[in-house]
Amino acid sequence: MTKTELITLIAKEAEITKVQAKTALEAIIETTLKKLKKEGRFPISGLGVFTVAKRAKRTARNPRTGEPVTIKAHKAVKFKPAQAAKDFIA
């Protein structure tokens, strides 16, 4: 789903304009990213928890050439769904 499609759905569900939906979505994204950077964790009740995970340096293979490639240590965003979200889609 594209950001534009999501904005359209939010506007329709909340019965607001697309401009208002875009502003709200961008605020949610910005807040989530700032909290993740500052605290390393951002829970959304009923949806799940975003966390920052540290990935260690590792060696992988280039699928095209088969050559070993070193992947630097880095951070990644993880998401663990809440039980309510799991139950809803089950």
PDB file of N, CA and C in Angstrom:
ATOM      1  N   MET A   1       0.847  -1.169   0.000  1.00  0.00           N
ATOM      2  CA  MET A   1       0.000   0.000   0.000  1.00  0.00           C
ATOM      3  C   MET A   1       0.895   1.236   0.000  1.00  0.00           C
ATOM      4  N   THR A   2       0.568   2.168  -0.831  1.00  0.00           N
ATOM      5  CA  THR A   2       1.345   3.403  -0.896  1.00  0.00           C
ATOM      6  C   THR A   2       0.859   4.377   0.182  1.00  0.00           C
ATOM      7  N   LYS A   3       1.675   5.377   0.423  1.00  0.00           N
ATOM      8  CA  LYS A   3       1.303   6.397   1.397  1.00  0.00           C
ATOM      9  C   LYS A   3       0.033   7.125   0.961  1.00  0.00           C
ATOM     10  N   THR A   4      -0.096   7.387  -0.335  1.00  0.00           N
ATOM     11  CA  THR A   4      -1.281   8.058  -0.866  1.00  0.00           C
ATOM     12  C   THR A   4      -2.532   7.219  -0.635  1.00  0.00           C
ATOM     13  N   GLU A   5      -2.428   5.923  -0.864  1.00  0.00           N
ATOM     14  CA  GLU A   5      -3.568   5.030  -0.632  1.00  0.00           C
ATOM     15  C   GLU A   5      -3.962   5.019   0.843  1.00  0.00           C
ATOM     16  N   LEU A   6      -2.949   4.999   1.717  1.00  0.00           N
ATOM     17  CA  LEU A   6      -3.214   5.009   3.156  1.00  0.00           C
ATOM     18  C   LEU A   6      -3.888   6.314   3.574  1.00  0.00           C
ATOM     19  N   ILE A   7      -3.436   7.420   3.045  1.00  0.00           N
ATOM     20  CA  ILE A   7      -4.041   8.724   3.351  1.00  0.00           C
ATOM     21  C   ILE A   7      -5.503   8.733   2.912  1.00  0.00           C
ATOM     22  N   THR A   8      -5.780   8.195   1.746  1.00  0.00           N
ATOM     23  CA  THR A   8      -7.157   8.133   1.244  1.00  0.00           C
ATOM     24  C   THR A   8      -8.027   7.295   2.169  1.00  0.00           C
ATOM     25  N   LEU A   9      -7.535   6.147   2.613  1.00  0.00           N
ATOM     26  CA  LEU A   9      -8.294   5.290   3.529  1.00  0.00           C
ATOM     27  C   LEU A   9      -8.543   5.969   4.871  1.00  0.00           C
ATOM     28  N   ILE A  10      -7.519   6.623   5.397  1.00  0.00           N
ATOM     29  CA  ILE A  10      -7.667   7.322   6.681  1.00  0.00           C
ATOM     30  C   ILE A  10      -8.716   8.418   6.555  1.00  0.00           C
ATOM     31  N   ALA A  11      -8.637   9.195   5.480  1.00  0.00           N
ATOM     32  CA  ALA A  11      -9.590  10.289   5.268  1.00  0.00           C
ATOM     33  C   ALA A  11     -11.016   9.756   5.197  1.00  0.00           C
ATOM     34  N   LYS A  12     -11.201   8.651   4.500  1.00  0.00           N
ATOM     35  CA  LYS A  12     -12.530   8.067   4.353  1.00  0.00           C
ATOM     36  C   LYS A  12     -13.045   7.526   5.690  1.00  0.00           C
ATOM     37  N   GLU A  13     -12.220   6.758   6.404  1.00  0.00           N
ATOM     38  CA  GLU A  13     -12.625   6.150   7.677  1.00  0.00           C
ATOM     39  C   GLU A  13     -12.911   7.198   8.748  1.00  0.00           C
ATOM     40  N   ALA A  14     -12.071   8.231   8.809  1.00  0.00           N
ATOM     41  CA  ALA A  14     -12.216   9.256   9.847  1.00  0.00           C
ATOM     42  C   ALA A  14     -13.137  10.396   9.425  1.00  0.00           C
ATOM     43  N   GLU A  15     -13.582  10.344   8.170  1.00  0.00           N
ATOM     44  CA  GLU A  15     -14.439  11.402   7.612  1.00  0.00           C
ATOM     45  C   GLU A  15     -13.801  12.777   7.763  1.00  0.00           C
ATOM     46  N   ILE A  16     -12.539  12.855   7.313  1.00  0.00           N
ATOM     47  CA  ILE A  16     -11.785  14.109   7.308  1.00  0.00           C
ATOM     48  C   ILE A  16     -11.227  14.302   5.905  1.00  0.00           C
ATOM     49  N   THR A  17     -10.637  15.460   5.659  1.00  0.00           N
ATOM     50  CA  THR A  17     -10.064  15.724   4.342  1.00  0.00           C
ATOM     51  C   THR A  17      -8.751  14.962   4.181  1.00  0.00           C
ATOM     52  N   LYS A  18      -8.328  14.812   2.950  1.00  0.00           N
ATOM     53  CA  LYS A  18      -7.056  14.144   2.685  1.00  0.00           C
ATOM     54  C   LYS A  18      -5.883  14.958   3.239  1.00  0.00           C
ATOM     55  N   VAL A  19      -6.018  16.273   3.235  1.00  0.00           N
ATOM     56  CA  VAL A  19      -4.964  17.133   3.779  1.00  0.00           C
ATOM     57  C   VAL A  19      -4.821  16.877   5.280  1.00  0.00           C
ATOM     58  N   GLN A  20      -5.942  16.792   5.981  1.00  0.00           N
ATOM     59  CA  GLN A  20      -5.910  16.507   7.416  1.00  0.00           C
ATOM     60  C   GLN A  20      -5.352  15.105   7.676  1.00  0.00           C
ATOM     61  N   ALA A  21      -5.744  14.144   6.857  1.00  0.00           N
ATOM     62  CA  ALA A  21      -5.256  12.773   7.015  1.00  0.00           C
ATOM     63  C   ALA A  21      -3.749  12.709   6.767  1.00  0.00           C
ATOM     64  N   LYS A  22      -3.277  13.434   5.755  1.00  0.00           N
ATOM     65  CA  LYS A  22      -1.841  13.456   5.459  1.00  0.00           C
ATOM     66  C   LYS A  22      -1.066  14.065   6.611  1.00  0.00           C
ATOM     67  N   THR A  23      -1.580  15.162   7.168  1.00  0.00           N
ATOM     68  CA  THR A  23      -0.929  15.815   8.304  1.00  0.00           C
ATOM     69  C   THR A  23      -0.855  14.867   9.496  1.00  0.00           C
ATOM     70  N   ALA A  24      -1.948  14.176   9.771  1.00  0.00           N
ATOM     71  CA  ALA A  24      -1.989  13.240  10.895  1.00  0.00           C
ATOM     72  C   ALA A  24      -1.022  12.079  10.678  1.00  0.00           C
ATOM     73  N   LEU A  25      -1.021  11.504   9.494  1.00  0.00           N
ATOM     74  CA  LEU A  25      -0.138  10.377   9.207  1.00  0.00           C
ATOM     75  C   LEU A  25       1.324  10.784   9.317  1.00  0.00           C
ATOM     76  N   GLU A  26       1.673  11.930   8.762  1.00  0.00           N
ATOM     77  CA  GLU A  26       3.052  12.405   8.837  1.00  0.00           C
ATOM     78  C   GLU A  26       3.470  12.678  10.280  1.00  0.00           C
ATOM     79  N   ALA A  27       2.546  13.174  11.096  1.00  0.00           N
ATOM     80  CA  ALA A  27       2.842  13.404  12.520  1.00  0.00           C
ATOM     81  C   ALA A  27       3.086  12.079  13.238  1.00  0.00           C
ATOM     82  N   ILE A  28       2.279  11.067  12.917  1.00  0.00           N
ATOM     83  CA  ILE A  28       2.455   9.745  13.536  1.00  0.00           C
ATOM     84  C   ILE A  28       3.802   9.152  13.146  1.00  0.00           C
ATOM     85  N   ILE A  29       4.141   9.231  11.869  1.00  0.00           N
ATOM     86  CA  ILE A  29       5.413   8.687  11.403  1.00  0.00           C
ATOM     87  C   ILE A  29       6.586   9.413  12.065  1.00  0.00           C
ATOM     88  N   GLU A  30       6.534  10.736  12.082  1.00  0.00           N
ATOM     89  CA  GLU A  30       7.612  11.531  12.669  1.00  0.00           C
ATOM     90  C   GLU A  30       7.764  11.239  14.161  1.00  0.00           C
ATOM     91  N   THR A  31       6.653  11.171  14.877  1.00  0.00           N
ATOM     92  CA  THR A  31       6.681  10.882  16.307  1.00  0.00           C
ATOM     93  C   THR A  31       7.254   9.493  16.568  1.00  0.00           C
ATOM     94  N   THR A  32       6.825   8.522  15.790  1.00  0.00           N
ATOM     95  CA  THR A  32       7.322   7.152  15.935  1.00  0.00           C
ATOM     96  C   THR A  32       8.837   7.104  15.748  1.00  0.00           C
ATOM     97  N   LEU A  33       9.328   7.722  14.690  1.00  0.00           N
ATOM     98  CA  LEU A  33      10.760   7.691  14.412  1.00  0.00           C
ATOM     99  C   LEU A  33      11.580   8.425  15.478  1.00  0.00           C
ATOM    100  N   LYS A  34      11.070   9.570  15.947  1.00  0.00           N
ATOM    101  CA  LYS A  34      11.782  10.313  16.994  1.00  0.00           C
ATOM    102  C   LYS A  34      11.861   9.506  18.286  1.00  0.00           C
ATOM    103  N   LYS A  35      10.741   8.868  18.667  1.00  0.00           N
ATOM    104  CA  LYS A  35      10.718   8.056  19.887  1.00  0.00           C
ATOM    105  C   LYS A  35      11.638   6.843  19.756  1.00  0.00           C
ATOM    106  N   LEU A  36      11.650   6.228  18.584  1.00  0.00           N
ATOM    107  CA  LEU A  36      12.534   5.083  18.374  1.00  0.00           C
ATOM    108  C   LEU A  36      13.993   5.491  18.508  1.00  0.00           C
ATOM    109  N   LYS A  37      14.332   6.622  17.942  1.00  0.00           N
ATOM    110  CA  LYS A  37      15.721   7.084  18.019  1.00  0.00           C
ATOM    111  C   LYS A  37      16.103   7.439  19.452  1.00  0.00           C
ATOM    112  N   LYS A  38      15.191   8.097  20.170  1.00  0.00           N
ATOM    113  CA  LYS A  38      15.486   8.556  21.523  1.00  0.00           C
ATOM    114  C   LYS A  38      15.406   7.429  22.555  1.00  0.00           C
ATOM    115  N   GLU A  39      14.344   6.601  22.490  1.00  0.00           N
ATOM    116  CA  GLU A  39      14.097   5.614  23.532  1.00  0.00           C
ATOM    117  C   GLU A  39      14.298   4.168  23.075  1.00  0.00           C
ATOM    118  N   GLY A  40      14.331   3.933  21.768  1.00  0.00           N
ATOM    119  CA  GLY A  40      14.526   2.588  21.256  1.00  0.00           C
ATOM    120  C   GLY A  40      13.277   1.723  21.275  1.00  0.00           C
ATOM    121  N   ARG A  41      12.150   2.313  21.613  1.00  0.00           N
ATOM    122  CA  ARG A  41      10.905   1.545  21.724  1.00  0.00           C
ATOM    123  C   ARG A  41       9.725   2.487  21.529  1.00  0.00           C
ATOM    124  N   PHE A  42       8.700   2.019  20.796  1.00  0.00           N
ATOM    125  CA  PHE A  42       7.493   2.821  20.612  1.00  0.00           C
ATOM    126  C   PHE A  42       6.287   1.892  20.544  1.00  0.00           C
ATOM    127  N   PRO A  43       5.544   1.766  21.648  1.00  0.00           N
ATOM    128  CA  PRO A  43       4.350   0.910  21.634  1.00  0.00           C
ATOM    129  C   PRO A  43       3.116   1.669  21.143  1.00  0.00           C
ATOM    130  N   ILE A  44       2.265   0.976  20.405  1.00  0.00           N
ATOM    131  CA  ILE A  44       0.974   1.512  19.998  1.00  0.00           C
ATOM    132  C   ILE A  44      -0.058   0.518  20.510  1.00  0.00           C
ATOM    133  N   SER A  45      -0.820   0.940  21.492  1.00  0.00           N
ATOM    134  CA  SER A  45      -1.788   0.063  22.143  1.00  0.00           C
ATOM    135  C   SER A  45      -2.742  -0.563  21.135  1.00  0.00           C
ATOM    136  N   GLY A  46      -2.896  -1.872  21.204  1.00  0.00           N
ATOM    137  CA  GLY A  46      -3.792  -2.587  20.312  1.00  0.00           C
ATOM    138  C   GLY A  46      -3.173  -2.961  18.972  1.00  0.00           C
ATOM    139  N   LEU A  47      -2.022  -2.390  18.648  1.00  0.00           N
ATOM    140  CA  LEU A  47      -1.365  -2.685  17.381  1.00  0.00           C
ATOM    141  C   LEU A  47      -0.086  -3.487  17.591  1.00  0.00           C
ATOM    142  N   GLY A  48       0.819  -2.945  18.421  1.00  0.00           N
ATOM    143  CA  GLY A  48       2.071  -3.646  18.675  1.00  0.00           C
ATOM    144  C   GLY A  48       3.155  -2.698  19.137  1.00  0.00           C
ATOM    145  N   VAL A  49       4.395  -3.201  19.120  1.00  0.00           N
ATOM    146  CA  VAL A  49       5.532  -2.433  19.609  1.00  0.00           C
ATOM    147  C   VAL A  49       6.627  -2.398  18.546  1.00  0.00           C
ATOM    148  N   PHE A  50       7.079  -1.193  18.232  1.00  0.00           N
ATOM    149  CA  PHE A  50       8.241  -1.005  17.377  1.00  0.00           C
ATOM    150  C   PHE A  50       9.452  -0.906  18.297  1.00  0.00           C
ATOM    151  N   THR A  51      10.531  -1.605  17.959  1.00  0.00           N
ATOM    152  CA  THR A  51      11.761  -1.538  18.741  1.00  0.00           C
ATOM    153  C   THR A  51      12.953  -1.417  17.798  1.00  0.00           C
ATOM    154  N   VAL A  52      14.066  -0.952  18.365  1.00  0.00           N
ATOM    155  CA  VAL A  52      15.309  -0.882  17.609  1.00  0.00           C
ATOM    156  C   VAL A  52      16.148  -2.081  18.019  1.00  0.00           C
ATOM    157  N   ALA A  53      16.601  -2.841  17.036  1.00  0.00           N
ATOM    158  CA  ALA A  53      17.424  -4.014  17.294  1.00  0.00           C
ATOM    159  C   ALA A  53      18.821  -3.785  16.717  1.00  0.00           C
ATOM    160  N   LYS A  54      19.826  -4.219  17.448  1.00  0.00           N
ATOM    161  CA  LYS A  54      21.203  -4.122  16.957  1.00  0.00           C
ATOM    162  C   LYS A  54      21.526  -5.379  16.173  1.00  0.00           C
ATOM    163  N   ARG A  55      22.056  -5.192  14.992  1.00  0.00           N
ATOM    164  CA  ARG A  55      22.475  -6.297  14.143  1.00  0.00           C
ATOM    165  C   ARG A  55      24.002  -6.342  14.133  1.00  0.00           C
ATOM    166  N   ALA A  56      24.558  -7.494  14.407  1.00  0.00           N
ATOM    167  CA  ALA A  56      26.011  -7.649  14.448  1.00  0.00           C
ATOM    168  C   ALA A  56      26.597  -7.684  13.035  1.00  0.00           C
ATOM    169  N   LYS A  57      27.876  -7.394  12.946  1.00  0.00           N
ATOM    170  CA  LYS A  57      28.593  -7.505  11.682  1.00  0.00           C
ATOM    171  C   LYS A  57      28.546  -8.968  11.254  1.00  0.00           C
ATOM    172  N   ARG A  58      28.363  -9.195   9.955  1.00  0.00           N
ATOM    173  CA  ARG A  58      28.317 -10.579   9.485  1.00  0.00           C
ATOM    174  C   ARG A  58      28.803 -10.674   8.051  1.00  0.00           C
ATOM    175  N   THR A  59      29.071 -11.888   7.644  1.00  0.00           N
ATOM    176  CA  THR A  59      29.491 -12.144   6.271  1.00  0.00           C
ATOM    177  C   THR A  59      28.339 -12.806   5.531  1.00  0.00           C
ATOM    178  N   ALA A  60      28.053 -12.308   4.352  1.00  0.00           N
ATOM    179  CA  ALA A  60      26.996 -12.858   3.506  1.00  0.00           C
ATOM    180  C   ALA A  60      27.593 -13.122   2.129  1.00  0.00           C
ATOM    181  N   ARG A  61      26.779 -13.605   1.230  1.00  0.00           N
ATOM    182  CA  ARG A  61      27.237 -13.864  -0.140  1.00  0.00           C
ATOM    183  C   ARG A  61      26.436 -13.021  -1.122  1.00  0.00           C
ATOM    184  N   ASN A  62      27.141 -12.483  -2.094  1.00  0.00           N
ATOM    185  CA  ASN A  62      26.486 -11.781  -3.182  1.00  0.00           C
ATOM    186  C   ASN A  62      25.787 -12.843  -4.024  1.00  0.00           C
ATOM    187  N   PRO A  63      24.447 -12.793  -4.149  1.00  0.00           N
ATOM    188  CA  PRO A  63      23.742 -13.848  -4.872  1.00  0.00           C
ATOM    189  C   PRO A  63      24.084 -13.912  -6.363  1.00  0.00           C
ATOM    190  N   ARG A  64      24.528 -12.820  -6.917  1.00  0.00           N
ATOM    191  CA  ARG A  64      24.850 -12.784  -8.346  1.00  0.00           C
ATOM    192  C   ARG A  64      26.216 -13.413  -8.630  1.00  0.00           C
ATOM    193  N   THR A  65      27.205 -13.080  -7.775  1.00  0.00           N
ATOM    194  CA  THR A  65      28.573 -13.544  -8.045  1.00  0.00           C
ATOM    195  C   THR A  65      29.022 -14.651  -7.104  1.00  0.00           C
ATOM    196  N   GLY A  66      28.368 -14.783  -5.961  1.00  0.00           N
ATOM    197  CA  GLY A  66      28.779 -15.777  -4.976  1.00  0.00           C
ATOM    198  C   GLY A  66      29.925 -15.319  -4.095  1.00  0.00           C
ATOM    199  N   GLU A  67      30.420 -14.102  -4.316  1.00  0.00           N
ATOM    200  CA  GLU A  67      31.519 -13.574  -3.514  1.00  0.00           C
ATOM    201  C   GLU A  67      31.059 -13.256  -2.100  1.00  0.00           C
ATOM    202  N   PRO A  68      31.940 -13.487  -1.113  1.00  0.00           N
ATOM    203  CA  PRO A  68      31.590 -13.092   0.254  1.00  0.00           C
ATOM    204  C   PRO A  68      31.568 -11.564   0.372  1.00  0.00           C
ATOM    205  N   VAL A  69      30.601 -11.066   1.128  1.00  0.00           N
ATOM    206  CA  VAL A  69      30.443  -9.622   1.343  1.00  0.00           C
ATOM    207  C   VAL A  69      30.285  -9.405   2.837  1.00  0.00           C
ATOM    208  N   THR A  70      30.977  -8.422   3.389  1.00  0.00           N
ATOM    209  CA  THR A  70      30.844  -8.101   4.798  1.00  0.00           C
ATOM    210  C   THR A  70      29.761  -7.058   4.977  1.00  0.00           C
ATOM    211  N   ILE A  71      28.824  -7.361   5.853  1.00  0.00           N
ATOM    212  CA  ILE A  71      27.751  -6.427   6.179  1.00  0.00           C
ATOM    213  C   ILE A  71      28.092  -5.812   7.533  1.00  0.00           C
ATOM    214  N   LYS A  72      28.172  -4.493   7.578  1.00  0.00           N
ATOM    215  CA  LYS A  72      28.539  -3.790   8.805  1.00  0.00           C
ATOM    216  C   LYS A  72      27.484  -3.983   9.892  1.00  0.00           C
ATOM    217  N   ALA A  73      27.910  -3.809  11.133  1.00  0.00           N
ATOM    218  CA  ALA A  73      26.963  -3.798  12.247  1.00  0.00           C
ATOM    219  C   ALA A  73      26.054  -2.585  12.056  1.00  0.00           C
ATOM    220  N   HIS A  74      24.773  -2.764  12.332  1.00  0.00           N
ATOM    221  CA  HIS A  74      23.827  -1.668  12.148  1.00  0.00           C
ATOM    222  C   HIS A  74      22.607  -1.883  13.035  1.00  0.00           C
ATOM    223  N   LYS A  75      21.737  -0.900  13.021  1.00  0.00           N
ATOM    224  CA  LYS A  75      20.489  -0.991  13.762  1.00  0.00           C
ATOM    225  C   LYS A  75      19.349  -1.189  12.776  1.00  0.00           C
ATOM    226  N   ALA A  76      18.319  -1.909  13.216  1.00  0.00           N
ATOM    227  CA  ALA A  76      17.150  -2.157  12.381  1.00  0.00           C
ATOM    228  C   ALA A  76      15.896  -1.981  13.224  1.00  0.00           C
ATOM    229  N   VAL A  77      14.795  -1.674  12.579  1.00  0.00           N
ATOM    230  CA  VAL A  77      13.514  -1.532  13.276  1.00  0.00           C
ATOM    231  C   VAL A  77      12.800  -2.881  13.242  1.00  0.00           C
ATOM    232  N   LYS A  78      12.339  -3.316  14.411  1.00  0.00           N
ATOM    233  CA  LYS A  78      11.563  -4.545  14.519  1.00  0.00           C
ATOM    234  C   LYS A  78      10.152  -4.191  14.960  1.00  0.00           C
ATOM    235  N   PHE A  79       9.203  -5.056  14.625  1.00  0.00           N
ATOM    236  CA  PHE A  79       7.822  -4.851  15.043  1.00  0.00           C
ATOM    237  C   PHE A  79       7.288  -6.156  15.590  1.00  0.00           C
ATOM    238  N   LYS A  80       6.687  -6.071  16.768  1.00  0.00           N
ATOM    239  CA  LYS A  80       6.040  -7.234  17.366  1.00  0.00           C
ATOM    240  C   LYS A  80       4.564  -6.883  17.531  1.00  0.00           C
ATOM    241  N   PRO A  81       3.671  -7.611  16.850  1.00  0.00           N
ATOM    242  CA  PRO A  81       2.247  -7.286  16.942  1.00  0.00           C
ATOM    243  C   PRO A  81       1.673  -7.595  18.323  1.00  0.00           C
ATOM    244  N   ALA A  82       0.693  -6.795  18.719  1.00  0.00           N
ATOM    245  CA  ALA A  82      -0.019  -7.013  19.982  1.00  0.00           C
ATOM    246  C   ALA A  82      -0.937  -8.219  19.821  1.00  0.00           C
ATOM    247  N   GLN A  83      -1.305  -8.815  20.933  1.00  0.00           N
ATOM    248  CA  GLN A  83      -2.201  -9.969  20.904  1.00  0.00           C
ATOM    249  C   GLN A  83      -3.531  -9.608  20.249  1.00  0.00           C
ATOM    250  N   ALA A  84      -4.027  -8.416  20.501  1.00  0.00           N
ATOM    251  CA  ALA A  84      -5.296  -7.974  19.901  1.00  0.00           C
ATOM    252  C   ALA A  84      -5.188  -7.963  18.372  1.00  0.00           C
ATOM    253  N   ALA A  85      -4.060  -7.544  17.836  1.00  0.00           N
ATOM    254  CA  ALA A  85      -3.862  -7.531  16.381  1.00  0.00           C
ATOM    255  C   ALA A  85      -3.806  -8.967  15.844  1.00  0.00           C
ATOM    256  N   LYS A  86      -3.119  -9.832  16.561  1.00  0.00           N
ATOM    257  CA  LYS A  86      -3.042 -11.241  16.154  1.00  0.00           C
ATOM    258  C   LYS A  86      -4.426 -11.883  16.141  1.00  0.00           C
ATOM    259  N   ASP A  87      -5.190 -11.621  17.192  1.00  0.00           N
ATOM    260  CA  ASP A  87      -6.527 -12.192  17.303  1.00  0.00           C
ATOM    261  C   ASP A  87      -7.461 -11.670  16.212  1.00  0.00           C
ATOM    262  N   PHE A  88      -7.298 -10.392  15.862  1.00  0.00           N
ATOM    263  CA  PHE A  88      -8.166  -9.771  14.867  1.00  0.00           C
ATOM    264  C   PHE A  88      -8.012 -10.427  13.497  1.00  0.00           C
ATOM    265  N   ILE A  89      -6.760 -10.752  13.120  1.00  0.00           N
ATOM    266  CA  ILE A  89      -6.534 -11.315  11.793  1.00  0.00           C
ATOM    267  C   ILE A  89      -6.653 -12.834  11.757  1.00  0.00           C
ATOM    268  N   ALA A  90      -6.759 -13.461  12.922  1.00  0.00           N
ATOM    269  CA  ALA A  90      -6.830 -14.924  12.972  1.00  0.00           C
ATOM    270  C   ALA A  90      -8.194 -15.437  12.554  1.00  0.00           C
TER     271      ALA A  90
END
